[in-house]
PDB file of N, CA and C in Angstrom:
ATOM      1  N   MET A   1     207.715  32.848  15.358  1.00  0.00           N
ATOM      2  CA  MET A   1     208.611  34.318  15.984  1.00  0.00           C
ATOM      3  C   MET A   1     209.919  34.375  14.522  1.00  0.00           C
ATOM      4  N   SER A   2     209.668  35.422  14.187  1.00  0.00           N
ATOM      5  CA  SER A   2     211.238  36.075  13.927  1.00  0.00           C
ATOM      6  C   SER A   2     211.591  37.519  14.251  1.00  0.00           C
ATOM      7  N   LEU A   3     212.510  37.516  14.331  1.00  0.00           N
ATOM      8  CA  LEU A   3     213.826  38.922  14.973  1.00  0.00           C
ATOM      9  C   LEU A   3     214.217  39.080  13.239  1.00  0.00           C
ATOM     10  N   SER A   4     214.318  40.698  13.633  1.00  0.00           N
ATOM     11  CA  SER A   4     214.779  41.169  11.837  1.00  0.00           C
ATOM     12  C   SER A   4     216.224  41.054  12.065  1.00  0.00           C
ATOM     13  N   PRO A   5     216.764  41.448  11.502  1.00  0.00           N
ATOM     14  CA  PRO A   5     218.301  41.122  12.046  1.00  0.00           C
ATOM     15  C   PRO A   5     219.024  41.653  12.630  1.00  0.00           C
ATOM     16  N   ASP A   6     218.307  43.482  12.646  1.00  0.00           N
ATOM     17  CA  ASP A   6     219.290  44.769  13.734  1.00  0.00           C
ATOM     18  C   ASP A   6     218.372  44.090  14.655  1.00  0.00           C
ATOM     19  N   GLY A   7     217.694  43.533  15.648  1.00  0.00           N
ATOM     20  CA  GLY A   7     216.960  43.139  16.876  1.00  0.00           C
ATOM     21  C   GLY A   7     216.156  44.266  17.541  1.00  0.00           C
ATOM     22  N   SER A   8     215.676  44.901  16.478  1.00  0.00           N
ATOM     23  CA  SER A   8     215.060  45.856  16.829  1.00  0.00           C
ATOM     24  C   SER A   8     213.135  45.504  16.688  1.00  0.00           C
ATOM     25  N   LEU A   9     213.176  44.580  15.874  1.00  0.00           N
ATOM     26  CA  LEU A   9     211.604  43.895  15.308  1.00  0.00           C
ATOM     27  C   LEU A   9     211.296  42.637  15.679  1.00  0.00           C
ATOM     28  N   LEU A  10     210.256  42.394  16.179  1.00  0.00           N
ATOM     29  CA  LEU A  10     209.935  41.011  16.542  1.00  0.00           C
ATOM     30  C   LEU A  10     208.160  40.423  15.718  1.00  0.00           C
ATOM     31  N   ALA A  11     208.474  39.979  14.216  1.00  0.00           N
ATOM     32  CA  ALA A  11     207.880  39.613  13.711  1.00  0.00           C
ATOM     33  C   ALA A  11     206.841  38.780  14.422  1.00  0.00           C
ATOM     34  N   VAL A  12     205.274  38.189  14.910  1.00  0.00           N
ATOM     35  CA  VAL A  12     204.795  37.243  15.367  1.00  0.00           C
ATOM     36  C   VAL A  12     203.439  36.897  14.771  1.00  0.00           C
ATOM     37  N   ILE A  13     203.225  35.140  14.430  1.00  0.00           N
ATOM     38  CA  ILE A  13     202.511  34.442  13.740  1.00  0.00           C
ATOM     39  C   ILE A  13     201.170  34.066  15.233  1.00  0.00           C
ATOM     40  N   HIS A  14     200.543  34.609  14.983  1.00  0.00           N
ATOM     41  CA  HIS A  14     199.441  33.283  16.252  1.00  0.00           C
ATOM     42  C   HIS A  14     198.853  32.477  15.739  1.00  0.00           C
ATOM     43  N   PHE A  15     198.444  31.479  16.769  1.00  0.00           N
ATOM     44  CA  PHE A  15     197.552  30.396  16.253  1.00  0.00           C
ATOM     45  C   PHE A  15     196.535  30.770  15.044  1.00  0.00           C
ATOM     46  N   SER A  16     195.493  31.499  15.894  1.00  0.00           N
ATOM     47  CA  SER A  16     194.286  32.180  14.966  1.00  0.00           C
ATOM     48  C   SER A  16     194.356  32.713  13.509  1.00  0.00           C
ATOM     49  N   GLY A  17     196.054  33.291  13.233  1.00  0.00           N
ATOM     50  CA  GLY A  17     196.427  33.396  12.336  1.00  0.00           C
ATOM     51  C   GLY A  17     197.018  34.765  12.289  1.00  0.00           C
ATOM     52  N   ARG A  18     196.398  35.816  12.990  1.00  0.00           N
ATOM     53  CA  ARG A  18     197.261  37.041  13.249  1.00  0.00           C
ATOM     54  C   ARG A  18     198.327  37.500  12.866  1.00  0.00           C
ATOM     55  N   LEU A  19     198.477  38.542  12.821  1.00  0.00           N
ATOM     56  CA  LEU A  19     200.486  38.106  12.003  1.00  0.00           C
ATOM     57  C   LEU A  19     200.224  39.743  12.819  1.00  0.00           C
ATOM     58  N   SER A  20     201.142  39.430  14.182  1.00  0.00           N
ATOM     59  CA  SER A  20     202.208  40.994  14.422  1.00  0.00           C
ATOM     60  C   SER A  20     203.490  41.212  14.580  1.00  0.00           C
ATOM     61  N   VAL A  21     203.473  42.940  14.458  1.00  0.00           N
ATOM     62  CA  VAL A  21     205.111  42.847  14.851  1.00  0.00           C
ATOM     63  C   VAL A  21     204.914  43.718  15.861  1.00  0.00           C
ATOM     64  N   TRP A  22     206.079  43.946  16.370  1.00  0.00           N
ATOM     65  CA  TRP A  22     205.947  44.023  18.469  1.00  0.00           C
ATOM     66  C   TRP A  22     207.642  45.063  18.100  1.00  0.00           C
ATOM     67  N   ASP A  23     207.866  45.993  18.400  1.00  0.00           N
ATOM     68  CA  ASP A  23     209.290  47.285  18.556  1.00  0.00           C
ATOM     69  C   ASP A  23     209.720  46.303  20.038  1.00  0.00           C
ATOM     70  N   LEU A  24     211.528  46.426  19.891  1.00  0.00           N
ATOM     71  CA  LEU A  24     211.594  45.531  20.372  1.00  0.00           C
ATOM     72  C   LEU A  24     212.864  47.031  21.297  1.00  0.00           C
ATOM     73  N   PRO A  25     213.034  46.709  22.459  1.00  0.00           N
ATOM     74  CA  PRO A  25     213.188  46.453  23.286  1.00  0.00           C
ATOM     75  C   PRO A  25     211.610  46.301  24.296  1.00  0.00           C
ATOM     76  N   SER A  26     211.116  47.850  23.710  1.00  0.00           N
ATOM     77  CA  SER A  26     209.749  48.061  24.429  1.00  0.00           C
ATOM     78  C   SER A  26     208.742  46.804  24.665  1.00  0.00           C
ATOM     79  N   LEU A  27     208.776  46.113  23.653  1.00  0.00           N
ATOM     80  CA  LEU A  27     207.548  45.197  22.867  1.00  0.00           C
ATOM     81  C   LEU A  27     206.358  45.764  23.210  1.00  0.00           C
ATOM     82  N   ARG A  28     206.275  46.642  22.070  1.00  0.00           N
ATOM     83  CA  ARG A  28     204.775  47.469  21.637  1.00  0.00           C
ATOM     84  C   ARG A  28     204.827  47.150  20.336  1.00  0.00           C
ATOM     85  N   GLN A  29     203.631  46.989  20.683  1.00  0.00           N
ATOM     86  CA  GLN A  29     203.016  46.333  19.349  1.00  0.00           C
ATOM     87  C   GLN A  29     202.900  47.245  18.338  1.00  0.00           C
ATOM     88  N   THR A  30     203.354  47.075  17.358  1.00  0.00           N
ATOM     89  CA  THR A  30     203.440  48.865  16.205  1.00  0.00           C
ATOM     90  C   THR A  30     202.917  48.234  15.278  1.00  0.00           C
ATOM     91  N   VAL A  31     201.879  46.725  14.671  1.00  0.00           N
ATOM     92  CA  VAL A  31     201.207  46.920  13.519  1.00  0.00           C
ATOM     93  C   VAL A  31     201.125  45.495  14.079  1.00  0.00           C
ATOM     94  N   SER A  32     199.238  45.320  13.026  1.00  0.00           N
ATOM     95  CA  SER A  32     198.820  43.648  12.835  1.00  0.00           C
ATOM     96  C   SER A  32     198.444  43.502  12.320  1.00  0.00           C
ATOM     97  N   TRP A  33     197.253  42.734  11.441  1.00  0.00           N
ATOM     98  CA  TRP A  33     196.866  42.204  10.780  1.00  0.00           C
ATOM     99  C   TRP A  33     195.793  40.755  10.557  1.00  0.00           C
ATOM    100  N   ASP A  34     194.700  40.789  10.642  1.00  0.00           N
ATOM    101  CA  ASP A  34     194.133  39.474  11.409  1.00  0.00           C
ATOM    102  C   ASP A  34     195.003  38.684  10.118  1.00  0.00           C
ATOM    103  N   GLN A  35     194.455  37.122   9.765  1.00  0.00           N
ATOM    104  CA  GLN A  35     194.525  36.895   9.326  1.00  0.00           C
ATOM    105  C   GLN A  35     193.583  36.956   7.537  1.00  0.00           C
ATOM    106  N   GLN A  36     192.592  36.986   7.544  1.00  0.00           N
ATOM    107  CA  GLN A  36     191.803  37.828   6.189  1.00  0.00           C
ATOM    108  C   GLN A  36     192.231  38.262   5.385  1.00  0.00           C
ATOM    109  N   LEU A  37     193.018  39.879   5.877  1.00  0.00           N
ATOM    110  CA  LEU A  37     193.052  40.593   5.357  1.00  0.00           C
ATOM    111  C   LEU A  37     194.559  40.396   5.630  1.00  0.00           C
ATOM    112  N   GLN A  38     195.611  39.214   5.347  1.00  0.00           N
ATOM    113  CA  GLN A  38     196.418  38.988   4.513  1.00  0.00           C
ATOM    114  C   GLN A  38     196.222  37.839   3.472  1.00  0.00           C
ATOM    115  N   PRO A  39     197.534  38.880   2.058  1.00  0.00           N
ATOM    116  CA  PRO A  39     197.131  38.071   1.066  1.00  0.00           C
ATOM    117  C   PRO A  39     197.500  36.744   0.758  1.00  0.00           C
ATOM    118  N   GLY A  40     196.372  36.113   0.404  1.00  0.00           N
ATOM    119  CA  GLY A  40     196.958  34.962  -0.083  1.00  0.00           C
ATOM    120  C   GLY A  40     196.645  33.983   1.224  1.00  0.00           C
ATOM    121  N   PHE A  41     195.869  33.907   2.144  1.00  0.00           N
ATOM    122  CA  PHE A  41     195.989  33.575   3.756  1.00  0.00           C
ATOM    123  C   PHE A  41     195.294  32.240   3.393  1.00  0.00           C
ATOM    124  N   GLU A  42     194.319  32.239   2.467  1.00  0.00           N
ATOM    125  CA  GLU A  42     193.679  30.851   1.960  1.00  0.00           C
ATOM    126  C   GLU A  42     194.465  29.678   1.125  1.00  0.00           C
ATOM    127  N   GLU A  43     195.694  30.025   0.690  1.00  0.00           N
ATOM    128  CA  GLU A  43     195.977  29.319  -0.275  1.00  0.00           C
ATOM    129  C   GLU A  43     196.974  28.238   0.675  1.00  0.00           C
ATOM    130  N   ILE A  44     197.274  26.950  -0.115  1.00  0.00           N
ATOM    131  CA  ILE A  44     198.414  25.581   0.657  1.00  0.00           C
ATOM    132  C   ILE A  44     199.296  26.049  -0.135  1.00  0.00           C
ATOM    133  N   ASN A  45     200.861  25.662   0.494  1.00  0.00           N
ATOM    134  CA  ASN A  45     201.982  25.877  -0.222  1.00  0.00           C
ATOM    135  C   ASN A  45     201.897  25.006  -1.382  1.00  0.00           C
ATOM    136  N   PRO A  46     202.496  24.924  -2.101  1.00  0.00           N
ATOM    137  CA  PRO A  46     202.466  24.918  -3.602  1.00  0.00           C
ATOM    138  C   PRO A  46     203.623  22.799  -3.710  1.00  0.00           C
ATOM    139  N   GLU A  47     204.391  22.729  -2.777  1.00  0.00           N
ATOM    140  CA  GLU A  47     205.587  22.033  -2.459  1.00  0.00           C
ATOM    141  C   GLU A  47     204.066  20.811  -1.429  1.00  0.00           C
ATOM    142  N   TRP A  48     203.395  21.451  -0.735  1.00  0.00           N
ATOM    143  CA  TRP A  48     202.612  20.050  -0.230  1.00  0.00           C
ATOM    144  C   TRP A  48     201.702  20.092  -0.683  1.00  0.00           C
ATOM    145  N   LYS A  49     200.926  20.441  -2.007  1.00  0.00           N
ATOM    146  CA  LYS A  49     200.207  19.669  -2.777  1.00  0.00           C
ATOM    147  C   LYS A  49     200.737  18.547  -3.724  1.00  0.00           C
ATOM    148  N   THR A  50     201.706  18.394  -3.842  1.00  0.00           N
ATOM    149  CA  THR A  50     202.588  17.803  -4.994  1.00  0.00           C
ATOM    150  C   THR A  50     203.309  16.698  -4.210  1.00  0.00           C
ATOM    151  N   SER A  51     203.559  16.894  -2.714  1.00  0.00           N
ATOM    152  CA  SER A  51     203.700  15.730  -2.062  1.00  0.00           C
ATOM    153  C   SER A  51     202.881  14.779  -1.466  1.00  0.00           C
ATOM    154  N   LEU A  52     202.532  13.647  -1.460  1.00  0.00           N
ATOM    155  CA  LEU A  52     201.772  12.299  -1.662  1.00  0.00           C
ATOM    156  C   LEU A  52     201.555  12.447   0.090  1.00  0.00           C
ATOM    157  N   GLU A  53     203.050  12.346   1.213  1.00  0.00           N
ATOM    158  CA  GLU A  53     203.178  12.312   2.104  1.00  0.00           C
ATOM    159  C   GLU A  53     202.417  14.027   3.120  1.00  0.00           C
ATOM    160  N   LYS A  54     202.566  14.610   2.374  1.00  0.00           N
ATOM    161  CA  LYS A  54     202.050  16.034   3.111  1.00  0.00           C
ATOM    162  C   LYS A  54     200.359  16.431   2.975  1.00  0.00           C
ATOM    163  N   ARG A  55     200.317  16.255   1.475  1.00  0.00           N
ATOM    164  CA  ARG A  55     198.462  16.320   1.307  1.00  0.00           C
ATOM    165  C   ARG A  55     198.070  15.225   2.414  1.00  0.00           C
ATOM    166  N   LYS A  56     198.341  13.445   2.630  1.00  0.00           N
ATOM    167  CA  LYS A  56     197.898  12.891   3.288  1.00  0.00           C
ATOM    168  C   LYS A  56     198.065  13.604   5.597  1.00  0.00           C
ATOM    169  N   LYS A  57     198.885  14.460   5.125  1.00  0.00           N
ATOM    170  CA  LYS A  57     198.456  14.983   7.055  1.00  0.00           C
ATOM    171  C   LYS A  57     197.271  16.498   7.069  1.00  0.00           C
ATOM    172  N   ILE A  58     197.476  17.244   5.676  1.00  0.00           N
ATOM    173  CA  ILE A  58     196.603  18.210   5.373  1.00  0.00           C
ATOM    174  C   ILE A  58     195.304  17.611   4.621  1.00  0.00           C
ATOM    175  N   LYS A  59     194.850  16.004   5.018  1.00  0.00           N
ATOM    176  CA  LYS A  59     193.602  16.152   4.003  1.00  0.00           C
ATOM    177  C   LYS A  59     192.513  15.578   5.290  1.00  0.00           C
ATOM    178  N   GLY A  60     191.253  16.720   5.144  1.00  0.00           N
ATOM    179  CA  GLY A  60     190.197  16.151   5.884  1.00  0.00           C
ATOM    180  C   GLY A  60     190.771  17.401   7.114  1.00  0.00           C
ATOM    181  N   ARG A  61     191.671  17.995   7.475  1.00  0.00           N
ATOM    182  CA  ARG A  61     191.545  18.562   8.847  1.00  0.00           C
ATOM    183  C   ARG A  61     191.151  20.060   8.398  1.00  0.00           C
ATOM    184  N   MET A  62     190.412  20.734   9.495  1.00  0.00           N
ATOM    185  CA  MET A  62     190.674  21.715   9.927  1.00  0.00           C
ATOM    186  C   MET A  62     191.238  23.119  10.091  1.00  0.00           C
ATOM    187  N   VAL A  63     190.830  24.395   8.876  1.00  0.00           N
ATOM    188  CA  VAL A  63     192.314  24.696   9.390  1.00  0.00           C
ATOM    189  C   VAL A  63     192.085  26.505   9.687  1.00  0.00           C
ATOM    190  N   PHE A  64     191.153  26.765  10.860  1.00  0.00           N
ATOM    191  CA  PHE A  64     190.955  28.594  10.850  1.00  0.00           C
ATOM    192  C   PHE A  64     189.760  28.078  10.653  1.00  0.00           C
ATOM    193  N   GLY A  65     188.363  26.841  10.537  1.00  0.00           N
ATOM    194  CA  GLY A  65     187.235  26.888  10.554  1.00  0.00           C
ATOM    195  C   GLY A  65     187.349  27.225   8.798  1.00  0.00           C
ATOM    196  N   THR A  66     188.357  26.560   7.998  1.00  0.00           N
ATOM    197  CA  THR A  66     187.802  25.905   6.691  1.00  0.00           C
ATOM    198  C   THR A  66     188.415  24.895   5.900  1.00  0.00           C
ATOM    199  N   ASP A  67     187.897  23.784   5.804  1.00  0.00           N
ATOM    200  CA  ASP A  67     188.945  22.802   5.000  1.00  0.00           C
ATOM    201  C   ASP A  67     189.434  22.498   4.471  1.00  0.00           C
ATOM    202  N   CYS A  68     190.634  21.957   4.404  1.00  0.00           N
ATOM    203  CA  CYS A  68     192.005  21.781   3.424  1.00  0.00           C
ATOM    204  C   CYS A  68     191.256  21.014   2.271  1.00  0.00           C
ATOM    205  N   TYR A  69     192.116  21.365   1.394  1.00  0.00           N
ATOM    206  CA  TYR A  69     192.145  21.083   0.017  1.00  0.00           C
ATOM    207  C   TYR A  69     193.065  20.508  -0.632  1.00  0.00           C
TER     208      TYR A  69
END
């Protein structure tokens, strides 16, 4: 979760990969995007690709139903 600088919006990423934005203080959802609709959702952080320690952590794990490479 991340609160906007003015405190009027809350951005939330869900375990499913869905990203949603909520209006505060009413807590009404203003917009949401499924993971597949987010540009670059299947990309791995470049820093993780170059770090041997972090590559070991993601090797062989499943992320939302797809293999990590």
